[in-house]
Amino acid sequence: MFVAINYISCKDHYQKRFEELFASRAKAIDRMPGFKWMKVLKPEEGGDYLIVSHWEKEEHFRAWTNSPEFVEGHKRGFEDIRKAKDQGLDPPMKSTFKTYKVIAE
């Protein structure tokens, strides 16, 4: 099992939009080989949102990040970032991720 955790920091004004994006997500990741499940975690007191995805193997996750489905699943968020940049503003959200191998359950 392989886990990827995406840490998303959102500007305060963007948090509702971010949550709406996930509530109406394209579910493109669900069609990917090796994908098991995903949880989106909201911080209770400030901090980053966490998107935790579970995969059969790291290769499956890497294939997702380079796939048309990845672009499909992120296009609305990417568009929001592009619009902010076009207006000379900081992006409304930033993302970093770390990957993990599951060693115990």
PDB file of N, CA and C in Angstrom:
ATOM      1  N   MET A   1       0.841  -1.181   0.000  1.00  0.00           N
ATOM      2  CA  MET A   1       0.000   0.000   0.000  1.00  0.00           C
ATOM      3  C   MET A   1       0.886   1.245   0.000  1.00  0.00           C
ATOM      4  N   PHE A   2       0.408   2.261  -0.675  1.00  0.00           N
ATOM      5  CA  PHE A   2       1.133   3.518  -0.832  1.00  0.00           C
ATOM      6  C   PHE A   2       0.162   4.659  -0.547  1.00  0.00           C
ATOM      7  N   VAL A   3       0.625   5.673   0.156  1.00  0.00           N
ATOM      8  CA  VAL A   3      -0.229   6.800   0.528  1.00  0.00           C
ATOM      9  C   VAL A   3       0.428   8.100   0.098  1.00  0.00           C
ATOM     10  N   ALA A   4      -0.368   8.979  -0.485  1.00  0.00           N
ATOM     11  CA  ALA A   4       0.080  10.331  -0.815  1.00  0.00           C
ATOM     12  C   ALA A   4      -0.790  11.304  -0.026  1.00  0.00           C
ATOM     13  N   ILE A   5      -0.148  12.265   0.617  1.00  0.00           N
ATOM     14  CA  ILE A   5      -0.875  13.284   1.355  1.00  0.00           C
ATOM     15  C   ILE A   5      -0.556  14.636   0.749  1.00  0.00           C
ATOM     16  N   ASN A   6      -1.597  15.295   0.281  1.00  0.00           N
ATOM     17  CA  ASN A   6      -1.479  16.612  -0.312  1.00  0.00           C
ATOM     18  C   ASN A   6      -1.874  17.625   0.755  1.00  0.00           C
ATOM     19  N   TYR A   7      -0.973  18.537   1.069  1.00  0.00           N
ATOM     20  CA  TYR A   7      -1.212  19.575   2.066  1.00  0.00           C
ATOM     21  C   TYR A   7      -1.629  20.837   1.316  1.00  0.00           C
ATOM     22  N   ILE A   8      -2.859  21.299   1.559  1.00  0.00           N
ATOM     23  CA  ILE A   8      -3.412  22.442   0.844  1.00  0.00           C
ATOM     24  C   ILE A   8      -3.620  23.591   1.824  1.00  0.00           C
ATOM     25  N   SER A   9      -2.921  24.683   1.587  1.00  0.00           N
ATOM     26  CA  SER A   9      -3.175  25.890   2.376  1.00  0.00           C
ATOM     27  C   SER A   9      -4.022  26.827   1.528  1.00  0.00           C
ATOM     28  N   CYS A  10      -5.124  27.276   2.106  1.00  0.00           N
ATOM     29  CA  CYS A  10      -6.071  28.152   1.414  1.00  0.00           C
ATOM     30  C   CYS A  10      -6.114  29.514   2.098  1.00  0.00           C
ATOM     31  N   LYS A  11      -6.210  30.541   1.299  1.00  0.00           N
ATOM     32  CA  LYS A  11      -6.507  31.863   1.853  1.00  0.00           C
ATOM     33  C   LYS A  11      -7.894  31.776   2.487  1.00  0.00           C
ATOM     34  N   ASP A  12      -8.110  32.564   3.529  1.00  0.00           N
ATOM     35  CA  ASP A  12      -9.390  32.512   4.246  1.00  0.00           C
ATOM     36  C   ASP A  12     -10.585  32.669   3.309  1.00  0.00           C
ATOM     37  N   HIS A  13     -10.501  33.603   2.380  1.00  0.00           N
ATOM     38  CA  HIS A  13     -11.633  33.863   1.487  1.00  0.00           C
ATOM     39  C   HIS A  13     -11.891  32.717   0.501  1.00  0.00           C
ATOM     40  N   TYR A  14     -10.949  31.799   0.359  1.00  0.00           N
ATOM     41  CA  TYR A  14     -11.061  30.721  -0.623  1.00  0.00           C
ATOM     42  C   TYR A  14     -11.517  29.393  -0.016  1.00  0.00           C
ATOM     43  N   GLN A  15     -11.569  29.292   1.287  1.00  0.00           N
ATOM     44  CA  GLN A  15     -11.875  28.007   1.925  1.00  0.00           C
ATOM     45  C   GLN A  15     -13.228  27.447   1.498  1.00  0.00           C
ATOM     46  N   LYS A  16     -14.255  28.275   1.461  1.00  0.00           N
ATOM     47  CA  LYS A  16     -15.571  27.791   1.048  1.00  0.00           C
ATOM     48  C   LYS A  16     -15.524  27.266  -0.387  1.00  0.00           C
ATOM     49  N   ARG A  17     -14.873  28.005  -1.279  1.00  0.00           N
ATOM     50  CA  ARG A  17     -14.747  27.571  -2.678  1.00  0.00           C
ATOM     51  C   ARG A  17     -14.002  26.240  -2.749  1.00  0.00           C
ATOM     52  N   PHE A  18     -12.917  26.108  -1.998  1.00  0.00           N
ATOM     53  CA  PHE A  18     -12.140  24.870  -1.993  1.00  0.00           C
ATOM     54  C   PHE A  18     -13.017  23.689  -1.579  1.00  0.00           C
ATOM     55  N   GLU A  19     -13.803  23.871  -0.540  1.00  0.00           N
ATOM     56  CA  GLU A  19     -14.676  22.802  -0.073  1.00  0.00           C
ATOM     57  C   GLU A  19     -15.750  22.482  -1.114  1.00  0.00           C
ATOM     58  N   GLU A  20     -16.248  23.497  -1.798  1.00  0.00           N
ATOM     59  CA  GLU A  20     -17.230  23.269  -2.863  1.00  0.00           C
ATOM     60  C   GLU A  20     -16.616  22.476  -4.019  1.00  0.00           C
ATOM     61  N   LEU A  21     -15.357  22.760  -4.340  1.00  0.00           N
ATOM     62  CA  LEU A  21     -14.692  22.015  -5.408  1.00  0.00           C
ATOM     63  C   LEU A  21     -14.650  20.526  -5.085  1.00  0.00           C
ATOM     64  N   PHE A  22     -14.344  20.187  -3.843  1.00  0.00           N
ATOM     65  CA  PHE A  22     -14.300  18.772  -3.480  1.00  0.00           C
ATOM     66  C   PHE A  22     -15.688  18.168  -3.362  1.00  0.00           C
ATOM     67  N   ALA A  23     -16.660  18.939  -2.912  1.00  0.00           N
ATOM     68  CA  ALA A  23     -18.023  18.420  -2.804  1.00  0.00           C
ATOM     69  C   ALA A  23     -18.603  18.067  -4.175  1.00  0.00           C
ATOM     70  N   SER A  24     -18.115  18.740  -5.209  1.00  0.00           N
ATOM     71  CA  SER A  24     -18.623  18.502  -6.575  1.00  0.00           C
ATOM     72  C   SER A  24     -17.513  17.986  -7.491  1.00  0.00           C
ATOM     73  N   ARG A  25     -16.588  17.251  -6.925  1.00  0.00           N
ATOM     74  CA  ARG A  25     -15.409  16.813  -7.680  1.00  0.00           C
ATOM     75  C   ARG A  25     -15.777  15.914  -8.852  1.00  0.00           C
ATOM     76  N   ALA A  26     -14.895  15.898  -9.834  1.00  0.00           N
ATOM     77  CA  ALA A  26     -15.115  15.119 -11.058  1.00  0.00           C
ATOM     78  C   ALA A  26     -15.006  13.609 -10.825  1.00  0.00           C
ATOM     79  N   LYS A  27     -14.368  13.205  -9.755  1.00  0.00           N
ATOM     80  CA  LYS A  27     -14.149  11.789  -9.421  1.00  0.00           C
ATOM     81  C   LYS A  27     -13.293  11.081 -10.463  1.00  0.00           C
ATOM     82  N   ALA A  28     -12.463  11.851 -11.146  1.00  0.00           N
ATOM     83  CA  ALA A  28     -11.585  11.267 -12.164  1.00  0.00           C
ATOM     84  C   ALA A  28     -10.574  10.309 -11.544  1.00  0.00           C
ATOM     85  N   ILE A  29     -10.127  10.598 -10.334  1.00  0.00           N
ATOM     86  CA  ILE A  29      -9.165   9.731  -9.657  1.00  0.00           C
ATOM     87  C   ILE A  29      -9.744   8.332  -9.435  1.00  0.00           C
ATOM     88  N   ASP A  30     -11.058   8.269  -9.251  1.00  0.00           N
ATOM     89  CA  ASP A  30     -11.720   6.992  -8.971  1.00  0.00           C
ATOM     90  C   ASP A  30     -11.577   5.988 -10.117  1.00  0.00           C
ATOM     91  N   ARG A  31     -11.314   6.491 -11.307  1.00  0.00           N
ATOM     92  CA  ARG A  31     -11.183   5.625 -12.489  1.00  0.00           C
ATOM     93  C   ARG A  31      -9.757   5.109 -12.692  1.00  0.00           C
ATOM     94  N   MET A  32      -8.833   5.564 -11.876  1.00  0.00           N
ATOM     95  CA  MET A  32      -7.428   5.231 -12.093  1.00  0.00           C
ATOM     96  C   MET A  32      -7.080   3.839 -11.561  1.00  0.00           C
ATOM     97  N   PRO A  33      -6.316   3.081 -12.346  1.00  0.00           N
ATOM     98  CA  PRO A  33      -5.853   1.780 -11.856  1.00  0.00           C
ATOM     99  C   PRO A  33      -5.043   1.948 -10.572  1.00  0.00           C
ATOM    100  N   GLY A  34      -5.296   1.079  -9.622  1.00  0.00           N
ATOM    101  CA  GLY A  34      -4.536   1.076  -8.375  1.00  0.00           C
ATOM    102  C   GLY A  34      -5.048   2.029  -7.317  1.00  0.00           C
ATOM    103  N   PHE A  35      -6.005   2.888  -7.652  1.00  0.00           N
ATOM    104  CA  PHE A  35      -6.559   3.801  -6.656  1.00  0.00           C
ATOM    105  C   PHE A  35      -7.460   3.025  -5.707  1.00  0.00           C
ATOM    106  N   LYS A  36      -7.304   3.271  -4.409  1.00  0.00           N
ATOM    107  CA  LYS A  36      -8.104   2.579  -3.405  1.00  0.00           C
ATOM    108  C   LYS A  36      -9.172   3.501  -2.811  1.00  0.00           C
ATOM    109  N   TRP A  37      -8.759   4.591  -2.182  1.00  0.00           N
ATOM    110  CA  TRP A  37      -9.709   5.537  -1.614  1.00  0.00           C
ATOM    111  C   TRP A  37      -9.004   6.840  -1.276  1.00  0.00           C
ATOM    112  N   MET A  38      -9.831   7.839  -0.988  1.00  0.00           N
ATOM    113  CA  MET A  38      -9.311   9.158  -0.663  1.00  0.00           C
ATOM    114  C   MET A  38     -10.174   9.769   0.443  1.00  0.00           C
ATOM    115  N   LYS A  39      -9.529  10.497   1.317  1.00  0.00           N
ATOM    116  CA  LYS A  39     -10.213  11.262   2.359  1.00  0.00           C
ATOM    117  C   LYS A  39      -9.720  12.709   2.257  1.00  0.00           C
ATOM    118  N   VAL A  40     -10.646  13.647   2.411  1.00  0.00           N
ATOM    119  CA  VAL A  40     -10.297  15.067   2.459  1.00  0.00           C
ATOM    120  C   VAL A  40     -10.553  15.517   3.891  1.00  0.00           C
ATOM    121  N   LEU A  41      -9.509  16.002   4.545  1.00  0.00           N
ATOM    122  CA  LEU A  41      -9.598  16.369   5.957  1.00  0.00           C
ATOM    123  C   LEU A  41      -9.525  17.886   6.108  1.00  0.00           C
ATOM    124  N   LYS A  42     -10.474  18.414   6.871  1.00  0.00           N
ATOM    125  CA  LYS A  42     -10.530  19.855   7.137  1.00  0.00           C
ATOM    126  C   LYS A  42      -9.962  20.104   8.529  1.00  0.00           C
ATOM    127  N   PRO A  43      -9.070  21.073   8.654  1.00  0.00           N
ATOM    128  CA  PRO A  43      -8.524  21.358   9.985  1.00  0.00           C
ATOM    129  C   PRO A  43      -9.600  21.952  10.893  1.00  0.00           C
ATOM    130  N   GLU A  44      -9.562  21.584  12.151  1.00  0.00           N
ATOM    131  CA  GLU A  44     -10.530  22.135  13.096  1.00  0.00           C
ATOM    132  C   GLU A  44     -10.166  23.547  13.525  1.00  0.00           C
ATOM    133  N   GLU A  45      -8.888  23.834  13.594  1.00  0.00           N
ATOM    134  CA  GLU A  45      -8.439  25.153  14.049  1.00  0.00           C
ATOM    135  C   GLU A  45      -7.289  25.636  13.181  1.00  0.00           C
ATOM    136  N   GLY A  46      -7.604  26.168  12.026  1.00  0.00           N
ATOM    137  CA  GLY A  46      -6.551  26.680  11.149  1.00  0.00           C
ATOM    138  C   GLY A  46      -5.678  25.565  10.617  1.00  0.00           C
ATOM    139  N   GLY A  47      -4.741  25.915   9.788  1.00  0.00           N
ATOM    140  CA  GLY A  47      -3.838  24.929   9.230  1.00  0.00           C
ATOM    141  C   GLY A  47      -4.277  24.446   7.862  1.00  0.00           C
ATOM    142  N   ASP A  48      -3.596  23.441   7.388  1.00  0.00           N
ATOM    143  CA  ASP A  48      -3.802  22.931   6.040  1.00  0.00           C
ATOM    144  C   ASP A  48      -4.922  21.895   5.979  1.00  0.00           C
ATOM    145  N   TYR A  49      -5.605  21.876   4.839  1.00  0.00           N
ATOM    146  CA  TYR A  49      -6.452  20.746   4.493  1.00  0.00           C
ATOM    147  C   TYR A  49      -5.514  19.610   4.092  1.00  0.00           C
ATOM    148  N   LEU A  50      -5.926  18.386   4.336  1.00  0.00           N
ATOM    149  CA  LEU A  50      -5.151  17.229   3.914  1.00  0.00           C
ATOM    150  C   LEU A  50      -5.998  16.395   2.971  1.00  0.00           C
ATOM    151  N   ILE A  51      -5.421  16.048   1.833  1.00  0.00           N
ATOM    152  CA  ILE A  51      -6.062  15.111   0.925  1.00  0.00           C
ATOM    153  C   ILE A  51      -5.207  13.852   0.976  1.00  0.00           C
ATOM    154  N   VAL A  52      -5.774  12.802   1.536  1.00  0.00           N
ATOM    155  CA  VAL A  52      -5.046  11.560   1.773  1.00  0.00           C
ATOM    156  C   VAL A  52      -5.560  10.521   0.787  1.00  0.00           C
ATOM    157  N   SER A  53      -4.698  10.114  -0.140  1.00  0.00           N
ATOM    158  CA  SER A  53      -5.108   9.100  -1.120  1.00  0.00           C
ATOM    159  C   SER A  53      -4.294   7.827  -0.915  1.00  0.00           C
ATOM    160  N   HIS A  54      -4.982   6.705  -1.039  1.00  0.00           N
ATOM    161  CA  HIS A  54      -4.382   5.383  -0.856  1.00  0.00           C
ATOM    162  C   HIS A  54      -4.337   4.671  -2.204  1.00  0.00           C
ATOM    163  N   TRP A  55      -3.215   4.050  -2.470  1.00  0.00           N
ATOM    164  CA  TRP A  55      -2.950   3.398  -3.757  1.00  0.00           C
ATOM    165  C   TRP A  55      -2.371   2.015  -3.524  1.00  0.00           C
ATOM    166  N   GLU A  56      -2.551   1.140  -4.493  1.00  0.00           N
ATOM    167  CA  GLU A  56      -1.933  -0.187  -4.406  1.00  0.00           C
ATOM    168  C   GLU A  56      -0.412  -0.072  -4.448  1.00  0.00           C
ATOM    169  N   LYS A  57       0.084   0.779  -5.358  1.00  0.00           N
ATOM    170  CA  LYS A  57       1.534   0.925  -5.542  1.00  0.00           C
ATOM    171  C   LYS A  57       1.864   2.366  -5.878  1.00  0.00           C
ATOM    172  N   GLU A  58       3.103   2.745  -5.617  1.00  0.00           N
ATOM    173  CA  GLU A  58       3.565   4.090  -5.947  1.00  0.00           C
ATOM    174  C   GLU A  58       3.433   4.375  -7.442  1.00  0.00           C
ATOM    175  N   GLU A  59       3.680   3.366  -8.276  1.00  0.00           N
ATOM    176  CA  GLU A  59       3.597   3.546  -9.727  1.00  0.00           C
ATOM    177  C   GLU A  59       2.198   4.011 -10.150  1.00  0.00           C
ATOM    178  N   HIS A  60       1.174   3.510  -9.458  1.00  0.00           N
ATOM    179  CA  HIS A  60      -0.196   3.923  -9.770  1.00  0.00           C
ATOM    180  C   HIS A  60      -0.395   5.410  -9.455  1.00  0.00           C
ATOM    181  N   PHE A  61       0.119   5.836  -8.315  1.00  0.00           N
ATOM    182  CA  PHE A  61       0.014   7.253  -7.956  1.00  0.00           C
ATOM    183  C   PHE A  61       0.756   8.118  -8.966  1.00  0.00           C
ATOM    184  N   ARG A  62       1.969   7.717  -9.334  1.00  0.00           N
ATOM    185  CA  ARG A  62       2.758   8.503 -10.301  1.00  0.00           C
ATOM    186  C   ARG A  62       2.038   8.582 -11.646  1.00  0.00           C
ATOM    187  N   ALA A  63       1.401   7.500 -12.049  1.00  0.00           N
ATOM    188  CA  ALA A  63       0.643   7.512 -13.307  1.00  0.00           C
ATOM    189  C   ALA A  63      -0.512   8.509 -13.217  1.00  0.00           C
ATOM    190  N   TRP A  64      -1.170   8.574 -12.066  1.00  0.00           N
ATOM    191  CA  TRP A  64      -2.261   9.543 -11.861  1.00  0.00           C
ATOM    192  C   TRP A  64      -1.763  10.974 -12.043  1.00  0.00           C
ATOM    193  N   THR A  65      -0.625  11.300 -11.459  1.00  0.00           N
ATOM    194  CA  THR A  65      -0.143  12.686 -11.513  1.00  0.00           C
ATOM    195  C   THR A  65       0.264  13.108 -12.919  1.00  0.00           C
ATOM    196  N   ASN A  66       0.426  12.161 -13.826  1.00  0.00           N
ATOM    197  CA  ASN A  66       0.807  12.467 -15.213  1.00  0.00           C
ATOM    198  C   ASN A  66      -0.300  12.123 -16.207  1.00  0.00           C
ATOM    199  N   SER A  67      -1.525  12.023 -15.718  1.00  0.00           N
ATOM    200  CA  SER A  67      -2.617  11.550 -16.567  1.00  0.00           C
ATOM    201  C   SER A  67      -3.580  12.670 -16.964  1.00  0.00           C
ATOM    202  N   PRO A  68      -4.339  12.447 -18.046  1.00  0.00           N
ATOM    203  CA  PRO A  68      -5.419  13.387 -18.399  1.00  0.00           C
ATOM    204  C   PRO A  68      -6.467  13.474 -17.290  1.00  0.00           C
ATOM    205  N   GLU A  69      -6.670  12.390 -16.557  1.00  0.00           N
ATOM    206  CA  GLU A  69      -7.621  12.396 -15.452  1.00  0.00           C
ATOM    207  C   GLU A  69      -7.187  13.358 -14.345  1.00  0.00           C
ATOM    208  N   PHE A  70      -5.879  13.461 -14.128  1.00  0.00           N
ATOM    209  CA  PHE A  70      -5.357  14.415 -13.139  1.00  0.00           C
ATOM    210  C   PHE A  70      -5.726  15.843 -13.545  1.00  0.00           C
ATOM    211  N   VAL A  71      -5.509  16.169 -14.806  1.00  0.00           N
ATOM    212  CA  VAL A  71      -5.855  17.502 -15.315  1.00  0.00           C
ATOM    213  C   VAL A  71      -7.361  17.732 -15.175  1.00  0.00           C
ATOM    214  N   GLU A  72      -8.156  16.726 -15.544  1.00  0.00           N
ATOM    215  CA  GLU A  72      -9.605  16.840 -15.427  1.00  0.00           C
ATOM    216  C   GLU A  72     -10.027  17.092 -13.981  1.00  0.00           C
ATOM    217  N   GLY A  73      -9.434  16.366 -13.058  1.00  0.00           N
ATOM    218  CA  GLY A  73      -9.803  16.475 -11.653  1.00  0.00           C
ATOM    219  C   GLY A  73      -9.397  17.785 -11.003  1.00  0.00           C
ATOM    220  N   HIS A  74      -8.426  18.466 -11.585  1.00  0.00           N
ATOM    221  CA  HIS A  74      -7.903  19.695 -10.987  1.00  0.00           C
ATOM    222  C   HIS A  74      -8.177  20.959 -11.792  1.00  0.00           C
ATOM    223  N   LYS A  75      -8.845  20.839 -12.925  1.00  0.00           N
ATOM    224  CA  LYS A  75      -8.939  21.983 -13.838  1.00  0.00           C
ATOM    225  C   LYS A  75      -9.618  23.199 -13.227  1.00  0.00           C
ATOM    226  N   ARG A  76     -10.633  23.026 -12.398  1.00  0.00           N
ATOM    227  CA  ARG A  76     -11.300  24.201 -11.812  1.00  0.00           C
ATOM    228  C   ARG A  76     -10.390  24.914 -10.814  1.00  0.00           C
ATOM    229  N   GLY A  77      -9.684  24.167 -10.006  1.00  0.00           N
ATOM    230  CA  GLY A  77      -8.738  24.776  -9.069  1.00  0.00           C
ATOM    231  C   GLY A  77      -7.583  25.449  -9.796  1.00  0.00           C
ATOM    232  N   PHE A  78      -7.062  24.775 -10.830  1.00  0.00           N
ATOM    233  CA  PHE A  78      -5.992  25.378 -11.635  1.00  0.00           C
ATOM    234  C   PHE A  78      -6.466  26.675 -12.283  1.00  0.00           C
ATOM    235  N   GLU A  79      -7.724  26.702 -12.716  1.00  0.00           N
ATOM    236  CA  GLU A  79      -8.288  27.902 -13.333  1.00  0.00           C
ATOM    237  C   GLU A  79      -8.392  29.040 -12.317  1.00  0.00           C
ATOM    238  N   ASP A  80      -8.776  28.732 -11.093  1.00  0.00           N
ATOM    239  CA  ASP A  80      -8.832  29.753 -10.044  1.00  0.00           C
ATOM    240  C   ASP A  80      -7.450  30.350  -9.792  1.00  0.00           C
ATOM    241  N   ILE A  81      -6.440  29.505  -9.775  1.00  0.00           N
ATOM    242  CA  ILE A  81      -5.065  29.974  -9.568  1.00  0.00           C
ATOM    243  C   ILE A  81      -4.628  30.852 -10.733  1.00  0.00           C
ATOM    244  N   ARG A  82      -4.928  30.426 -11.948  1.00  0.00           N
ATOM    245  CA  ARG A  82      -4.562  31.212 -13.132  1.00  0.00           C
ATOM    246  C   ARG A  82      -5.226  32.585 -13.105  1.00  0.00           C
ATOM    247  N   LYS A  83      -6.511  32.634 -12.768  1.00  0.00           N
ATOM    248  CA  LYS A  83      -7.232  33.911 -12.713  1.00  0.00           C
ATOM    249  C   LYS A  83      -6.591  34.859 -11.703  1.00  0.00           C
ATOM    250  N   ALA A  84      -6.240  34.346 -10.536  1.00  0.00           N
ATOM    251  CA  ALA A  84      -5.596  35.180  -9.520  1.00  0.00           C
ATOM    252  C   ALA A  84      -4.279  35.735 -10.050  1.00  0.00           C
ATOM    253  N   LYS A  85      -3.475  34.884 -10.672  1.00  0.00           N
ATOM    254  CA  LYS A  85      -2.193  35.333 -11.216  1.00  0.00           C
ATOM    255  C   LYS A  85      -2.386  36.378 -12.307  1.00  0.00           C
ATOM    256  N   ASP A  86      -3.397  36.174 -13.166  1.00  0.00           N
ATOM    257  CA  ASP A  86      -3.690  37.150 -14.226  1.00  0.00           C
ATOM    258  C   ASP A  86      -4.057  38.511 -13.648  1.00  0.00           C
ATOM    259  N   GLN A  87      -4.623  38.523 -12.454  1.00  0.00           N
ATOM    260  CA  GLN A  87      -5.016  39.768 -11.797  1.00  0.00           C
ATOM    261  C   GLN A  87      -3.897  40.326 -10.920  1.00  0.00           C
ATOM    262  N   GLY A  88      -2.739  39.669 -10.937  1.00  0.00           N
ATOM    263  CA  GLY A  88      -1.610  40.114 -10.135  1.00  0.00           C
ATOM    264  C   GLY A  88      -1.741  39.783  -8.658  1.00  0.00           C
ATOM    265  N   LEU A  89      -2.581  38.810  -8.335  1.00  0.00           N
ATOM    266  CA  LEU A  89      -2.815  38.410  -6.951  1.00  0.00           C
ATOM    267  C   LEU A  89      -2.056  37.131  -6.625  1.00  0.00           C
ATOM    268  N   ASP A  90      -1.845  36.907  -5.341  1.00  0.00           N
ATOM    269  CA  ASP A  90      -1.288  35.631  -4.901  1.00  0.00           C
ATOM    270  C   ASP A  90      -2.310  34.540  -5.167  1.00  0.00           C
ATOM    271  N   PRO A  91      -1.867  33.317  -5.412  1.00  0.00           N
ATOM    272  CA  PRO A  91      -2.816  32.221  -5.619  1.00  0.00           C
ATOM    273  C   PRO A  91      -3.681  32.027  -4.369  1.00  0.00           C
ATOM    274  N   PRO A  92      -4.951  31.658  -4.554  1.00  0.00           N
ATOM    275  CA  PRO A  92      -5.838  31.473  -3.406  1.00  0.00           C
ATOM    276  C   PRO A  92      -5.527  30.216  -2.591  1.00  0.00           C
ATOM    277  N   MET A  93      -4.749  29.313  -3.189  1.00  0.00           N
ATOM    278  CA  MET A  93      -4.343  28.103  -2.466  1.00  0.00           C
ATOM    279  C   MET A  93      -2.980  27.663  -2.966  1.00  0.00           C
ATOM    280  N   LYS A  94      -2.280  26.948  -2.106  1.00  0.00           N
ATOM    281  CA  LYS A  94      -0.984  26.365  -2.457  1.00  0.00           C
ATOM    282  C   LYS A  94      -0.988  24.918  -2.007  1.00  0.00           C
ATOM    283  N   SER A  95      -0.242  24.105  -2.725  1.00  0.00           N
ATOM    284  CA  SER A  95      -0.264  22.672  -2.493  1.00  0.00           C
ATOM    285  C   SER A  95       1.158  22.115  -2.426  1.00  0.00           C
ATOM    286  N   THR A  96       1.378  21.259  -1.473  1.00  0.00           N
ATOM    287  CA  THR A  96       2.604  20.447  -1.425  1.00  0.00           C
ATOM    288  C   THR A  96       2.169  19.046  -1.020  1.00  0.00           C
ATOM    289  N   PHE A  97       2.922  18.057  -1.468  1.00  0.00           N
ATOM    290  CA  PHE A  97       2.549  16.710  -1.047  1.00  0.00           C
ATOM    291  C   PHE A  97       3.763  15.916  -0.629  1.00  0.00           C
ATOM    292  N   LYS A  98       3.478  14.929   0.192  1.00  0.00           N
ATOM    293  CA  LYS A  98       4.477  13.967   0.644  1.00  0.00           C
ATOM    294  C   LYS A  98       3.903  12.583   0.389  1.00  0.00           C
ATOM    295  N   THR A  99       4.783  11.644   0.173  1.00  0.00           N
ATOM    296  CA  THR A  99       4.345  10.276  -0.070  1.00  0.00           C
ATOM    297  C   THR A  99       4.893   9.353   1.022  1.00  0.00           C
ATOM    298  N   TYR A 100       4.154   8.278   1.249  1.00  0.00           N
ATOM    299  CA  TYR A 100       4.469   7.364   2.345  1.00  0.00           C
ATOM    300  C   TYR A 100       4.231   5.921   1.919  1.00  0.00           C
ATOM    301  N   LYS A 101       5.033   5.038   2.442  1.00  0.00           N
ATOM    302  CA  LYS A 101       4.795   3.607   2.310  1.00  0.00           C
ATOM    303  C   LYS A 101       4.159   3.145   3.622  1.00  0.00           C
ATOM    304  N   VAL A 102       3.105   2.381   3.524  1.00  0.00           N
ATOM    305  CA  VAL A 102       2.431   1.872   4.721  1.00  0.00           C
ATOM    306  C   VAL A 102       3.255   0.705   5.250  1.00  0.00           C
ATOM    307  N   ILE A 103       3.628   0.798   6.525  1.00  0.00           N
ATOM    308  CA  ILE A 103       4.434  -0.284   7.126  1.00  0.00           C
ATOM    309  C   ILE A 103       3.655  -1.082   8.170  1.00  0.00           C
ATOM    310  N   ALA A 104       2.495  -0.561   8.597  1.00  0.00           N
ATOM    311  CA  ALA A 104       1.656  -1.298   9.547  1.00  0.00           C
ATOM    312  C   ALA A 104       0.232  -0.776   9.462  1.00  0.00           C
ATOM    313  N   GLU A 105      -0.716  -1.647   9.733  1.00  0.00           N
ATOM    314  CA  GLU A 105      -2.129  -1.266   9.769  1.00  0.00           C
ATOM    315  C   GLU A 105      -2.748  -1.729  11.067  1.00  0.00           C
TER     316      GLU A 105
END
